[in-house]
Amino acid sequence: GNTNYADSVKGRFTISRDNAKNTGYLQMDSL
């Protein structure tokens, strides 16, 4: 669950995962 981001998206994008659903996510705000 450790995360890293490109400088260009820090503070706007959030990466996460739900292992129970075998799914990764990328929440993108302030596009």
Full PDB file with SEQRES, HELIX, SHEET, SSBOND, CRYST1, ORIGX, SCALE, CONECT and MASTER records, all heavy atoms in Angstrom:
SEQRES   1 A   31  GLY ASN THR ASN TYR ALA ASP SER VAL LYS GLY ARG PHE          
SEQRES   2 A   31  THR ILE SER ARG ASP ASN ALA LYS ASN THR GLY TYR LEU          
SEQRES   3 A   31  GLN MET ASP SER LEU                                          
HELIX    1 AA1 ASN A   19  LYS A   21  5                                   3    
SHEET    1 AA1 2 PHE A  13  ASP A  18  0                                        
SHEET    2 AA1 2 THR A  23  MET A  28 -1                                        
CRYST1    1.000    1.000    1.000  90.00  90.00  90.00 P 1           1          
ORIGX1      1.000000  0.000000  0.000000        0.00000                         
ORIGX2      0.000000  1.000000  0.000000        0.00000                         
ORIGX3      0.000000  0.000000  1.000000        0.00000                         
SCALE1      1.000000  0.000000  0.000000        0.00000                         
SCALE2      0.000000  1.000000  0.000000        0.00000                         
SCALE3      0.000000  0.000000  1.000000        0.00000                         
ATOM      1  N   GLY A   1       0.782  -1.236   0.000  1.00  0.00           N  
ATOM      2  CA  GLY A   1       0.000   0.000   0.000  1.00  0.00           C  
ATOM      3  C   GLY A   1       0.809   1.278   0.000  1.00  0.00           C  
ATOM      4  O   GLY A   1       0.235   2.365   0.081  1.00  0.00           O  
ATOM      5  N   ASN A   2       2.126   1.175  -0.124  1.00  0.00           N  
ATOM      6  CA  ASN A   2       2.957   2.370  -0.223  1.00  0.00           C  
ATOM      7  C   ASN A   2       2.770   2.997  -1.600  1.00  0.00           C  
ATOM      8  O   ASN A   2       2.727   2.284  -2.608  1.00  0.00           O  
ATOM      9  CB  ASN A   2       4.421   2.037  -0.002  1.00  0.00           C  
ATOM     10  CG  ASN A   2       4.666   1.495   1.397  1.00  0.00           C  
ATOM     11  OD1 ASN A   2       4.128   2.010   2.368  1.00  0.00           O  
ATOM     12  ND2 ASN A   2       5.472   0.448   1.502  1.00  0.00           N  
ATOM     13  N   THR A   3       2.699   4.317  -1.640  1.00  0.00           N  
ATOM     14  CA  THR A   3       2.384   4.997  -2.899  1.00  0.00           C  
ATOM     15  C   THR A   3       3.468   5.989  -3.310  1.00  0.00           C  
ATOM     16  O   THR A   3       4.189   6.535  -2.471  1.00  0.00           O  
ATOM     17  CB  THR A   3       1.042   5.743  -2.796  1.00  0.00           C  
ATOM     18  OG1 THR A   3       1.127   6.712  -1.738  1.00  0.00           O  
ATOM     19  CG2 THR A   3      -0.101   4.788  -2.510  1.00  0.00           C  
ATOM     20  N   ASN A   4       3.561   6.212  -4.617  1.00  0.00           N  
ATOM     21  CA  ASN A   4       4.446   7.214  -5.189  1.00  0.00           C  
ATOM     22  C   ASN A   4       3.747   7.858  -6.375  1.00  0.00           C  
ATOM     23  O   ASN A   4       2.956   7.201  -7.070  1.00  0.00           O  
ATOM     24  CB  ASN A   4       5.767   6.588  -5.655  1.00  0.00           C  
ATOM     25  CG  ASN A   4       6.688   6.310  -4.496  1.00  0.00           C  
ATOM     26  OD1 ASN A   4       7.232   7.218  -3.889  1.00  0.00           O  
ATOM     27  ND2 ASN A   4       6.853   5.030  -4.188  1.00  0.00           N  
ATOM     28  N   TYR A   5       4.073   9.136  -6.623  1.00  0.00           N  
ATOM     29  CA  TYR A   5       3.427   9.881  -7.695  1.00  0.00           C  
ATOM     30  C   TYR A   5       4.435  10.700  -8.487  1.00  0.00           C  
ATOM     31  O   TYR A   5       5.441  11.156  -7.949  1.00  0.00           O  
ATOM     32  CB  TYR A   5       2.390  10.849  -7.111  1.00  0.00           C  
ATOM     33  CG  TYR A   5       1.285  10.185  -6.350  1.00  0.00           C  
ATOM     34  CD1 TYR A   5       1.372   9.988  -4.982  1.00  0.00           C  
ATOM     35  CD2 TYR A   5       0.134   9.748  -7.013  1.00  0.00           C  
ATOM     36  CE1 TYR A   5       0.354   9.360  -4.282  1.00  0.00           C  
ATOM     37  CE2 TYR A   5      -0.886   9.131  -6.318  1.00  0.00           C  
ATOM     38  CZ  TYR A   5      -0.766   8.939  -4.960  1.00  0.00           C  
ATOM     39  OH  TYR A   5      -1.790   8.311  -4.272  1.00  0.00           O  
ATOM     40  N   ALA A   6       4.132  10.882  -9.753  1.00  0.00           N  
ATOM     41  CA  ALA A   6       4.881  11.837 -10.551  1.00  0.00           C  
ATOM     42  C   ALA A   6       4.612  13.235 -10.010  1.00  0.00           C  
ATOM     43  O   ALA A   6       3.498  13.526  -9.540  1.00  0.00           O  
ATOM     44  CB  ALA A   6       4.452  11.742 -12.011  1.00  0.00           C  
ATOM     45  N   ASP A   7       5.617  14.102 -10.116  1.00  0.00           N  
ATOM     46  CA  ASP A   7       5.454  15.461  -9.602  1.00  0.00           C  
ATOM     47  C   ASP A   7       4.264  16.176 -10.246  1.00  0.00           C  
ATOM     48  O   ASP A   7       3.593  16.988  -9.609  1.00  0.00           O  
ATOM     49  CB  ASP A   7       6.733  16.264  -9.838  1.00  0.00           C  
ATOM     50  CG  ASP A   7       7.864  15.833  -8.920  1.00  0.00           C  
ATOM     51  OD1 ASP A   7       7.593  15.165  -7.902  1.00  0.00           O  
ATOM     52  OD2 ASP A   7       9.023  16.167  -9.229  1.00  0.00           O  
ATOM     53  N   SER A   8       4.022  15.876 -11.494  1.00  0.00           N  
ATOM     54  CA  SER A   8       2.975  16.568 -12.241  1.00  0.00           C  
ATOM     55  C   SER A   8       1.561  16.262 -11.735  1.00  0.00           C  
ATOM     56  O   SER A   8       0.618  17.002 -12.043  1.00  0.00           O  
ATOM     57  CB  SER A   8       3.063  16.231 -13.724  1.00  0.00           C  
ATOM     58  OG  SER A   8       2.939  14.830 -13.920  1.00  0.00           O  
ATOM     59  N   VAL A   9       1.403  15.181 -10.956  1.00  0.00           N  
ATOM     60  CA  VAL A   9       0.060  14.805 -10.500  1.00  0.00           C  
ATOM     61  C   VAL A   9      -0.075  14.795  -8.979  1.00  0.00           C  
ATOM     62  O   VAL A   9      -1.166  14.557  -8.460  1.00  0.00           O  
ATOM     63  CB  VAL A   9      -0.373  13.428 -11.057  1.00  0.00           C  
ATOM     64  CG1 VAL A   9      -0.242  13.411 -12.575  1.00  0.00           C  
ATOM     65  CG2 VAL A   9       0.419  12.292 -10.421  1.00  0.00           C  
ATOM     66  N   LYS A  10       1.013  15.068  -8.268  1.00  0.00           N  
ATOM     67  CA  LYS A  10       0.954  15.064  -6.811  1.00  0.00           C  
ATOM     68  C   LYS A  10      -0.090  16.047  -6.301  1.00  0.00           C  
ATOM     69  O   LYS A  10      -0.155  17.187  -6.767  1.00  0.00           O  
ATOM     70  CB  LYS A  10       2.326  15.415  -6.236  1.00  0.00           C  
ATOM     71  CG  LYS A  10       3.293  14.261  -6.188  1.00  0.00           C  
ATOM     72  CD  LYS A  10       4.614  14.687  -5.566  1.00  0.00           C  
ATOM     73  CE  LYS A  10       5.599  13.531  -5.555  1.00  0.00           C  
ATOM     74  NZ  LYS A  10       6.924  13.936  -5.007  1.00  0.00           N  
ATOM     75  N   GLY A  11      -0.878  15.594  -5.352  1.00  0.00           N  
ATOM     76  CA  GLY A  11      -1.930  16.429  -4.782  1.00  0.00           C  
ATOM     77  C   GLY A  11      -3.219  16.427  -5.574  1.00  0.00           C  
ATOM     78  O   GLY A  11      -4.238  16.964  -5.111  1.00  0.00           O  
ATOM     79  N   ARG A  12      -3.198  15.861  -6.775  1.00  0.00           N  
ATOM     80  CA  ARG A  12      -4.410  15.808  -7.607  1.00  0.00           C  
ATOM     81  C   ARG A  12      -4.887  14.388  -7.848  1.00  0.00           C  
ATOM     82  O   ARG A  12      -6.095  14.155  -7.967  1.00  0.00           O  
ATOM     83  CB  ARG A  12      -4.153  16.485  -8.957  1.00  0.00           C  
ATOM     84  CG  ARG A  12      -3.752  17.941  -8.856  1.00  0.00           C  
ATOM     85  CD  ARG A  12      -3.701  18.609 -10.229  1.00  0.00           C  
ATOM     86  NE  ARG A  12      -2.718  17.991 -11.119  1.00  0.00           N  
ATOM     87  CZ  ARG A  12      -3.023  17.440 -12.288  1.00  0.00           C  
ATOM     88  NH1 ARG A  12      -4.279  17.434 -12.714  1.00  0.00           N  
ATOM     89  NH2 ARG A  12      -2.073  16.922 -13.042  1.00  0.00           N  
ATOM     90  N   PHE A  13      -3.963  13.441  -7.981  1.00  0.00           N  
ATOM     91  CA  PHE A  13      -4.304  12.041  -8.256  1.00  0.00           C  
ATOM     92  C   PHE A  13      -4.067  11.207  -7.003  1.00  0.00           C  
ATOM     93  O   PHE A  13      -3.145  11.468  -6.228  1.00  0.00           O  
ATOM     94  CB  PHE A  13      -3.433  11.494  -9.374  1.00  0.00           C  
ATOM     95  CG  PHE A  13      -3.730  12.038 -10.749  1.00  0.00           C  
ATOM     96  CD1 PHE A  13      -4.534  13.151 -10.946  1.00  0.00           C  
ATOM     97  CD2 PHE A  13      -3.171  11.428 -11.870  1.00  0.00           C  
ATOM     98  CE1 PHE A  13      -4.800  13.642 -12.214  1.00  0.00           C  
ATOM     99  CE2 PHE A  13      -3.421  11.911 -13.141  1.00  0.00           C  
ATOM    100  CZ  PHE A  13      -4.225  13.021 -13.319  1.00  0.00           C  
ATOM    101  N   THR A  14      -4.885  10.166  -6.861  1.00  0.00           N  
ATOM    102  CA  THR A  14      -4.729   9.239  -5.745  1.00  0.00           C  
ATOM    103  C   THR A  14      -4.826   7.812  -6.267  1.00  0.00           C  
ATOM    104  O   THR A  14      -5.828   7.442  -6.891  1.00  0.00           O  
ATOM    105  CB  THR A  14      -5.819   9.456  -4.687  1.00  0.00           C  
ATOM    106  OG1 THR A  14      -5.786  10.815  -4.231  1.00  0.00           O  
ATOM    107  CG2 THR A  14      -5.591   8.525  -3.494  1.00  0.00           C  
ATOM    108  N   ILE A  15      -3.781   7.033  -6.007  1.00  0.00           N  
ATOM    109  CA  ILE A  15      -3.790   5.626  -6.392  1.00  0.00           C  
ATOM    110  C   ILE A  15      -4.193   4.797  -5.180  1.00  0.00           C  
ATOM    111  O   ILE A  15      -3.832   5.103  -4.046  1.00  0.00           O  
ATOM    112  CB  ILE A  15      -2.412   5.188  -6.933  1.00  0.00           C  
ATOM    113  CG1 ILE A  15      -2.485   3.792  -7.560  1.00  0.00           C  
ATOM    114  CG2 ILE A  15      -1.334   5.269  -5.865  1.00  0.00           C  
ATOM    115  CD1 ILE A  15      -1.212   3.394  -8.310  1.00  0.00           C  
ATOM    116  N   SER A  16      -4.968   3.754  -5.425  1.00  0.00           N  
ATOM    117  CA  SER A  16      -5.409   2.886  -4.336  1.00  0.00           C  
ATOM    118  C   SER A  16      -5.652   1.483  -4.891  1.00  0.00           C  
ATOM    119  O   SER A  16      -5.571   1.259  -6.104  1.00  0.00           O  
ATOM    120  CB  SER A  16      -6.683   3.435  -3.687  1.00  0.00           C  
ATOM    121  OG  SER A  16      -7.750   3.472  -4.610  1.00  0.00           O  
ATOM    122  N   ARG A  17      -5.953   0.567  -3.982  1.00  0.00           N  
ATOM    123  CA  ARG A  17      -6.226  -0.799  -4.409  1.00  0.00           C  
ATOM    124  C   ARG A  17      -7.232  -1.430  -3.465  1.00  0.00           C  
ATOM    125  O   ARG A  17      -7.295  -1.099  -2.278  1.00  0.00           O  
ATOM    126  CB  ARG A  17      -4.941  -1.619  -4.448  1.00  0.00           C  
ATOM    127  CG  ARG A  17      -4.233  -1.785  -3.111  1.00  0.00           C  
ATOM    128  CD  ARG A  17      -2.833  -2.385  -3.293  1.00  0.00           C  
ATOM    129  NE  ARG A  17      -2.923  -3.703  -3.911  1.00  0.00           N  
ATOM    130  CZ  ARG A  17      -1.927  -4.245  -4.620  1.00  0.00           C  
ATOM    131  NH1 ARG A  17      -0.793  -3.589  -4.788  1.00  0.00           N  
ATOM    132  NH2 ARG A  17      -2.073  -5.448  -5.130  1.00  0.00           N  
ATOM    133  N   ASP A  18      -8.022  -2.369  -4.014  1.00  0.00           N  
ATOM    134  CA  ASP A  18      -8.954  -3.165  -3.224  1.00  0.00           C  
ATOM    135  C   ASP A  18      -8.635  -4.617  -3.537  1.00  0.00           C  
ATOM    136  O   ASP A  18      -9.066  -5.149  -4.568  1.00  0.00           O  
ATOM    137  CB  ASP A  18     -10.396  -2.816  -3.594  1.00  0.00           C  
ATOM    138  CG  ASP A  18     -11.415  -3.529  -2.722  1.00  0.00           C  
ATOM    139  OD1 ASP A  18     -11.072  -4.585  -2.138  1.00  0.00           O  
ATOM    140  OD2 ASP A  18     -12.542  -3.044  -2.621  1.00  0.00           O  
ATOM    141  N   ASN A  19      -7.858  -5.244  -2.668  1.00  0.00           N  
ATOM    142  CA  ASN A  19      -7.407  -6.607  -2.937  1.00  0.00           C  
ATOM    143  C   ASN A  19      -8.570  -7.601  -2.968  1.00  0.00           C  
ATOM    144  O   ASN A  19      -8.501  -8.613  -3.679  1.00  0.00           O  
ATOM    145  CB  ASN A  19      -6.383  -7.032  -1.904  1.00  0.00           C  
ATOM    146  CG  ASN A  19      -5.067  -6.275  -2.042  1.00  0.00           C  
ATOM    147  OD1 ASN A  19      -4.721  -5.793  -3.123  1.00  0.00           O  
ATOM    148  ND2 ASN A  19      -4.349  -6.151  -0.935  1.00  0.00           N  
ATOM    149  N   ALA A  20      -9.625  -7.322  -2.224  1.00  0.00           N  
ATOM    150  CA  ALA A  20     -10.785  -8.222  -2.230  1.00  0.00           C  
ATOM    151  C   ALA A  20     -11.472  -8.235  -3.591  1.00  0.00           C  
ATOM    152  O   ALA A  20     -12.125  -9.214  -3.951  1.00  0.00           O  
ATOM    153  CB  ALA A  20     -11.766  -7.808  -1.149  1.00  0.00           C  
ATOM    154  N   LYS A  21     -11.314  -7.142  -4.340  1.00  0.00           N  
ATOM    155  CA  LYS A  21     -11.938  -7.039  -5.668  1.00  0.00           C  
ATOM    156  C   LYS A  21     -10.922  -7.201  -6.792  1.00  0.00           C  
ATOM    157  O   LYS A  21     -11.275  -7.019  -7.960  1.00  0.00           O  
ATOM    158  CB  LYS A  21     -12.653  -5.696  -5.803  1.00  0.00           C  
ATOM    159  CG  LYS A  21     -13.823  -5.513  -4.853  1.00  0.00           C  
ATOM    160  CD  LYS A  21     -14.526  -4.181  -5.090  1.00  0.00           C  
ATOM    161  CE  LYS A  21     -15.726  -4.038  -4.165  1.00  0.00           C  
ATOM    162  NZ  LYS A  21     -16.433  -2.732  -4.372  1.00  0.00           N  
ATOM    163  N   ASN A  22      -9.660  -7.488  -6.440  1.00  0.00           N  
ATOM    164  CA  ASN A  22      -8.603  -7.623  -7.458  1.00  0.00           C  
ATOM    165  C   ASN A  22      -8.539  -6.397  -8.363  1.00  0.00           C  
ATOM    166  O   ASN A  22      -8.359  -6.521  -9.584  1.00  0.00           O  
ATOM    167  CB  ASN A  22      -8.829  -8.874  -8.315  1.00  0.00           C  
ATOM    168  CG  ASN A  22      -8.631 -10.156  -7.542  1.00  0.00           C  
ATOM    169  OD1 ASN A  22      -7.929 -10.186  -6.537  1.00  0.00           O  
ATOM    170  ND2 ASN A  22      -9.264 -11.215  -8.000  1.00  0.00           N  
ATOM    171  N   THR A  23      -8.686  -5.235  -7.774  1.00  0.00           N  
ATOM    172  CA  THR A  23      -8.819  -4.010  -8.555  1.00  0.00           C  
ATOM    173  C   THR A  23      -7.919  -2.903  -8.026  1.00  0.00           C  
ATOM    174  O   THR A  23      -7.847  -2.682  -6.815  1.00  0.00           O  
ATOM    175  CB  THR A  23     -10.282  -3.528  -8.551  1.00  0.00           C  
ATOM    176  OG1 THR A  23     -11.123  -4.562  -9.079  1.00  0.00           O  
ATOM    177  CG2 THR A  23     -10.440  -2.277  -9.398  1.00  0.00           C  
ATOM    178  N   GLY A  24      -7.274  -2.227  -8.960  1.00  0.00           N  
ATOM    179  CA  GLY A  24      -6.534  -1.014  -8.659  1.00  0.00           C  
ATOM    180  C   GLY A  24      -7.294   0.182  -9.187  1.00  0.00           C  
ATOM    181  O   GLY A  24      -8.037   0.075 -10.167  1.00  0.00           O  
ATOM    182  N   TYR A  25      -7.084   1.334  -8.548  1.00  0.00           N  
ATOM    183  CA  TYR A  25      -7.815   2.539  -8.931  1.00  0.00           C  
ATOM    184  C   TYR A  25      -6.861   3.713  -9.084  1.00  0.00           C  
ATOM    185  O   TYR A  25      -5.808   3.775  -8.447  1.00  0.00           O  
ATOM    186  CB  TYR A  25      -8.855   2.901  -7.860  1.00  0.00           C  
ATOM    187  CG  TYR A  25      -9.883   1.844  -7.592  1.00  0.00           C  
ATOM    188  CD1 TYR A  25      -9.756   0.993  -6.504  1.00  0.00           C  
ATOM    189  CD2 TYR A  25     -10.992   1.701  -8.426  1.00  0.00           C  
ATOM    190  CE1 TYR A  25     -10.706   0.012  -6.256  1.00  0.00           C  
ATOM    191  CE2 TYR A  25     -11.949   0.721  -8.180  1.00  0.00           C  
ATOM    192  CZ  TYR A  25     -11.796  -0.116  -7.097  1.00  0.00           C  
ATOM    193  OH  TYR A  25     -12.744  -1.083  -6.855  1.00  0.00           O  
ATOM    194  N   LEU A  26      -7.267   4.656  -9.922  1.00  0.00           N  
ATOM    195  CA  LEU A  26      -6.589   5.939 -10.013  1.00  0.00           C  
ATOM    196  C   LEU A  26      -7.667   7.010  -9.984  1.00  0.00           C  
ATOM    197  O   LEU A  26      -8.406   7.169 -10.963  1.00  0.00           O  
ATOM    198  CB  LEU A  26      -5.746   6.055 -11.274  1.00  0.00           C  
ATOM    199  CG  LEU A  26      -4.914   7.329 -11.372  1.00  0.00           C  
ATOM    200  CD1 LEU A  26      -3.817   7.338 -10.297  1.00  0.00           C  
ATOM    201  CD2 LEU A  26      -4.275   7.470 -12.755  1.00  0.00           C  
ATOM    202  N   GLN A  27      -7.781   7.701  -8.856  1.00  0.00           N  
ATOM    203  CA  GLN A  27      -8.708   8.810  -8.729  1.00  0.00           C  
ATOM    204  C   GLN A  27      -8.010  10.073  -9.209  1.00  0.00           C  
ATOM    205  O   GLN A  27      -6.946  10.428  -8.694  1.00  0.00           O  
ATOM    206  CB  GLN A  27      -9.151   8.984  -7.271  1.00  0.00           C  
ATOM    207  CG  GLN A  27     -10.042  10.174  -7.016  1.00  0.00           C  
ATOM    208  CD  GLN A  27     -11.412  10.030  -7.665  1.00  0.00           C  
ATOM    209  OE1 GLN A  27     -12.005   8.956  -7.642  1.00  0.00           O  
ATOM    210  NE2 GLN A  27     -11.919  11.119  -8.234  1.00  0.00           N  
ATOM    211  N   MET A  28      -8.592  10.732 -10.194  1.00  0.00           N  
ATOM    212  CA  MET A  28      -7.981  11.905 -10.802  1.00  0.00           C  
ATOM    213  C   MET A  28      -8.897  13.109 -10.577  1.00  0.00           C  
ATOM    214  O   MET A  28     -10.023  13.128 -11.070  1.00  0.00           O  
ATOM    215  CB  MET A  28      -7.769  11.665 -12.293  1.00  0.00           C  
ATOM    216  CG  MET A  28      -6.964  10.407 -12.594  1.00  0.00           C  
ATOM    217  SD  MET A  28      -6.568  10.217 -14.339  1.00  0.00           S  
ATOM    218  CE  MET A  28      -8.202  10.016 -15.016  1.00  0.00           C  
ATOM    219  N   ASP A  29      -8.410  14.067  -9.824  1.00  0.00           N  
ATOM    220  CA  ASP A  29      -9.163  15.283  -9.523  1.00  0.00           C  
ATOM    221  C   ASP A  29      -8.436  16.509 -10.099  1.00  0.00           C  
ATOM    222  O   ASP A  29      -7.259  16.419 -10.447  1.00  0.00           O  
ATOM    223  CB  ASP A  29      -9.330  15.444  -8.008  1.00  0.00           C  
ATOM    224  CG  ASP A  29     -10.091  14.304  -7.376  1.00  0.00           C  
ATOM    225  OD1 ASP A  29     -11.122  13.892  -7.950  1.00  0.00           O  
ATOM    226  OD2 ASP A  29      -9.664  13.808  -6.311  1.00  0.00           O  
ATOM    227  N   SER A  30      -9.147  17.601 -10.175  1.00  0.00           N  
ATOM    228  CA  SER A  30      -8.567  18.853 -10.690  1.00  0.00           C  
ATOM    229  C   SER A  30      -7.851  18.622 -12.012  1.00  0.00           C  
ATOM    230  O   SER A  30      -6.714  19.064 -12.212  1.00  0.00           O  
ATOM    231  CB  SER A  30      -7.601  19.461  -9.670  1.00  0.00           C  
ATOM    232  OG  SER A  30      -8.247  19.699  -8.440  1.00  0.00           O  
ATOM    233  N   LEU A  31      -8.514  17.929 -12.886  1.00  0.00           N  
ATOM    234  CA  LEU A  31      -7.888  17.551 -14.161  1.00  0.00           C  
ATOM    235  C   LEU A  31      -7.578  18.772 -15.018  1.00  0.00           C  
ATOM    236  O   LEU A  31      -8.321  19.768 -15.028  1.00  0.00           O  
ATOM    237  CB  LEU A  31      -8.789  16.575 -14.912  1.00  0.00           C  
ATOM    238  CG  LEU A  31      -8.731  15.136 -14.390  1.00  0.00           C  
ATOM    239  CD1 LEU A  31      -9.940  14.346 -14.846  1.00  0.00           C  
ATOM    240  CD2 LEU A  31      -7.451  14.464 -14.840  1.00  0.00           C  
TER     241      LEU A  31                                                      
MASTER        0    0    0    1    2    0    0    6  240    1    0    3          
END                                                                             
